[in-house]
N, C-alpha and C. Protein backbone atom coordinates (compact mmCIF):
# COMPACT_ATOMS: atom_id res chain seq x y z
N UNK A 1 89.24 40.32 85.11
CA UNK A 1 88.69 41.65 85.08
C UNK A 1 88.12 41.97 86.46
N UNK A 2 88.43 43.16 86.93
CA UNK A 2 88.01 43.56 88.27
C UNK A 2 86.55 43.99 88.32
N UNK A 3 86.04 44.61 87.24
CA UNK A 3 84.71 45.18 87.29
C UNK A 3 83.99 45.00 85.95
N UNK A 4 83.22 43.93 85.84
CA UNK A 4 82.51 43.64 84.59
C UNK A 4 81.52 44.73 84.23
N UNK A 5 80.80 45.27 85.22
CA UNK A 5 79.82 46.31 84.93
C UNK A 5 80.48 47.54 84.32
N UNK A 6 81.62 47.92 84.85
CA UNK A 6 82.35 49.07 84.32
C UNK A 6 82.83 48.78 82.90
N UNK A 7 83.27 47.56 82.66
CA UNK A 7 83.69 47.19 81.30
C UNK A 7 82.55 47.40 80.32
N UNK A 8 81.39 46.84 80.62
CA UNK A 8 80.27 46.93 79.68
C UNK A 8 79.77 48.35 79.52
N UNK A 9 79.78 49.14 80.58
CA UNK A 9 79.36 50.54 80.49
C UNK A 9 80.34 51.34 79.62
N UNK A 10 81.62 51.16 79.84
CA UNK A 10 82.63 51.88 79.05
C UNK A 10 82.60 51.44 77.60
N UNK A 11 82.52 50.14 77.38
CA UNK A 11 82.49 49.61 76.02
C UNK A 11 81.28 50.16 75.26
N UNK A 12 80.11 50.09 75.89
CA UNK A 12 78.89 50.57 75.25
C UNK A 12 78.95 52.05 74.91
N UNK A 13 79.46 52.85 75.84
CA UNK A 13 79.55 54.29 75.60
C UNK A 13 80.53 54.60 74.47
N UNK A 14 81.67 53.92 74.45
CA UNK A 14 82.63 54.14 73.37
C UNK A 14 82.05 53.75 72.02
N UNK A 15 81.38 52.62 71.95
CA UNK A 15 80.76 52.19 70.69
C UNK A 15 79.71 53.19 70.23
N UNK A 16 78.87 53.65 71.16
CA UNK A 16 77.83 54.63 70.81
C UNK A 16 78.43 55.92 70.27
N UNK A 17 79.65 56.22 70.67
CA UNK A 17 80.29 57.46 70.24
C UNK A 17 81.19 57.26 69.02
N UNK A 18 81.10 56.08 68.40
CA UNK A 18 81.81 55.84 67.15
C UNK A 18 83.20 55.26 67.26
N UNK A 19 83.60 54.84 68.43
CA UNK A 19 84.92 54.24 68.61
C UNK A 19 84.93 52.85 67.97
N UNK A 20 86.00 52.51 67.24
CA UNK A 20 86.10 51.16 66.68
C UNK A 20 86.04 50.11 67.79
N UNK A 21 85.39 48.99 67.50
CA UNK A 21 85.14 47.96 68.51
C UNK A 21 86.42 47.45 69.17
N UNK A 22 87.47 47.26 68.40
CA UNK A 22 88.71 46.73 68.98
C UNK A 22 89.30 47.72 70.01
N UNK A 23 89.35 48.98 69.64
CA UNK A 23 89.86 50.00 70.56
C UNK A 23 88.93 50.14 71.77
N UNK A 24 87.63 50.11 71.54
CA UNK A 24 86.66 50.21 72.65
C UNK A 24 86.86 49.07 73.63
N UNK A 25 87.07 47.87 73.12
CA UNK A 25 87.29 46.72 73.99
C UNK A 25 88.57 46.84 74.80
N UNK A 26 89.63 47.31 74.15
CA UNK A 26 90.89 47.48 74.86
C UNK A 26 90.76 48.54 75.95
N UNK A 27 90.15 49.67 75.61
CA UNK A 27 90.01 50.76 76.58
C UNK A 27 89.09 50.35 77.74
N UNK A 28 88.02 49.67 77.42
CA UNK A 28 87.10 49.22 78.47
C UNK A 28 87.78 48.22 79.40
N UNK A 29 88.63 47.38 78.86
CA UNK A 29 89.38 46.43 79.69
C UNK A 29 90.31 47.16 80.64
N UNK A 30 90.99 48.19 80.14
CA UNK A 30 91.88 48.98 80.99
C UNK A 30 91.09 49.59 82.13
N UNK A 31 89.99 50.26 81.81
CA UNK A 31 89.18 50.94 82.82
C UNK A 31 88.63 49.94 83.83
N UNK A 32 88.19 48.79 83.36
CA UNK A 32 87.60 47.78 84.24
C UNK A 32 88.63 47.17 85.19
N UNK A 33 89.90 47.30 84.85
CA UNK A 33 90.96 46.76 85.69
C UNK A 33 91.68 47.81 86.52
N UNK A 34 91.21 49.06 86.47
CA UNK A 34 91.83 50.11 87.27
C UNK A 34 91.83 49.74 88.75
N UNK A 35 92.93 50.09 89.41
CA UNK A 35 93.06 49.85 90.85
C UNK A 35 93.36 51.19 91.52
N UNK A 36 92.36 51.78 92.18
CA UNK A 36 92.56 53.11 92.76
C UNK A 36 93.60 53.16 93.88
N UNK A 37 94.06 52.02 94.33
CA UNK A 37 95.08 52.00 95.38
C UNK A 37 96.49 52.11 94.82
N UNK A 38 96.63 52.04 93.50
CA UNK A 38 97.95 52.07 92.86
C UNK A 38 98.18 53.39 92.14
N UNK A 39 99.44 53.80 92.00
CA UNK A 39 99.74 54.99 91.19
C UNK A 39 99.26 54.78 89.76
N UNK A 40 98.74 55.83 89.16
CA UNK A 40 98.22 55.77 87.78
C UNK A 40 97.17 54.68 87.61
N UNK A 41 96.49 54.37 88.71
CA UNK A 41 95.43 53.34 88.71
C UNK A 41 95.95 51.97 88.31
N UNK A 42 97.27 51.80 88.38
CA UNK A 42 97.89 50.53 88.00
C UNK A 42 98.05 50.36 86.51
N UNK A 43 97.86 51.43 85.75
CA UNK A 43 97.95 51.35 84.29
C UNK A 43 99.40 51.35 83.83
N UNK A 44 99.68 50.50 82.87
CA UNK A 44 100.99 50.46 82.23
C UNK A 44 101.06 51.58 81.19
N UNK A 45 102.26 51.88 80.69
CA UNK A 45 102.35 52.86 79.60
C UNK A 45 101.49 52.46 78.39
N UNK A 46 101.41 51.16 78.11
CA UNK A 46 100.57 50.71 76.99
C UNK A 46 99.09 50.97 77.31
N UNK A 47 98.67 50.70 78.54
CA UNK A 47 97.29 50.98 78.95
C UNK A 47 96.99 52.47 78.77
N UNK A 48 97.91 53.31 79.20
CA UNK A 48 97.72 54.75 79.09
C UNK A 48 97.61 55.19 77.64
N UNK A 49 98.36 54.56 76.77
CA UNK A 49 98.28 54.86 75.34
C UNK A 49 96.91 54.51 74.78
N UNK A 50 96.39 53.37 75.17
CA UNK A 50 95.06 52.95 74.71
C UNK A 50 94.01 53.96 75.15
N UNK A 51 94.09 54.40 76.39
CA UNK A 51 93.13 55.38 76.90
C UNK A 51 93.25 56.69 76.14
N UNK A 52 94.47 57.11 75.86
CA UNK A 52 94.67 58.35 75.10
C UNK A 52 94.07 58.26 73.70
N UNK A 53 94.11 57.08 73.10
CA UNK A 53 93.52 56.89 71.78
C UNK A 53 92.00 56.90 71.83
N UNK A 54 91.43 56.41 72.92
CA UNK A 54 89.97 56.32 73.06
C UNK A 54 89.35 57.62 73.57
N UNK A 55 90.12 58.40 74.29
CA UNK A 55 89.60 59.60 74.94
C UNK A 55 88.89 60.57 74.00
N UNK A 56 89.39 60.83 72.81
CA UNK A 56 88.68 61.76 71.92
C UNK A 56 87.23 61.34 71.63
N UNK A 57 86.96 60.06 71.61
CA UNK A 57 85.59 59.59 71.36
C UNK A 57 84.67 59.97 72.53
N UNK A 58 85.21 59.99 73.73
CA UNK A 58 84.41 60.35 74.89
C UNK A 58 84.27 61.86 75.04
N UNK A 59 85.20 62.59 74.49
CA UNK A 59 85.17 64.05 74.61
C UNK A 59 84.30 64.69 73.54
N UNK A 60 84.02 63.97 72.47
CA UNK A 60 83.18 64.50 71.41
C UNK A 60 81.71 64.30 71.72
N UNK A 61 80.88 64.82 70.87
CA UNK A 61 79.44 64.66 71.04
C UNK A 61 79.03 63.26 70.62
N UNK A 62 77.93 62.79 71.18
CA UNK A 62 77.42 61.48 70.80
C UNK A 62 76.95 61.47 69.36
N UNK A 63 77.10 60.32 68.71
CA UNK A 63 76.56 60.16 67.37
C UNK A 63 75.06 60.08 67.47
N UNK A 64 74.33 60.66 66.53
CA UNK A 64 72.87 60.55 66.57
C UNK A 64 72.43 59.10 66.42
N UNK A 65 71.37 58.73 67.12
CA UNK A 65 70.88 57.34 67.03
C UNK A 65 69.66 57.24 66.17
C-alpha cells in the first residue's frame, strides 16, 4: 500500500456513511494505491468498478451518529 493514512481516512469515512466493510476496504485500498503519475491513477477496470460502487456512499449525507 502506498499511503496507509489515506487508506484509513477513506475506510473510516466510507464506514461512517454506511458503506459495507468489505466494499469500504476494497475502495480504500484502491485510493491508497493511486499513482498520480499514471493514467487513471493506475487504476484497473476492476479498481474503477469498486470506486463506482463506493461513490454513492460518499455523495450521500452522513449517517447520524
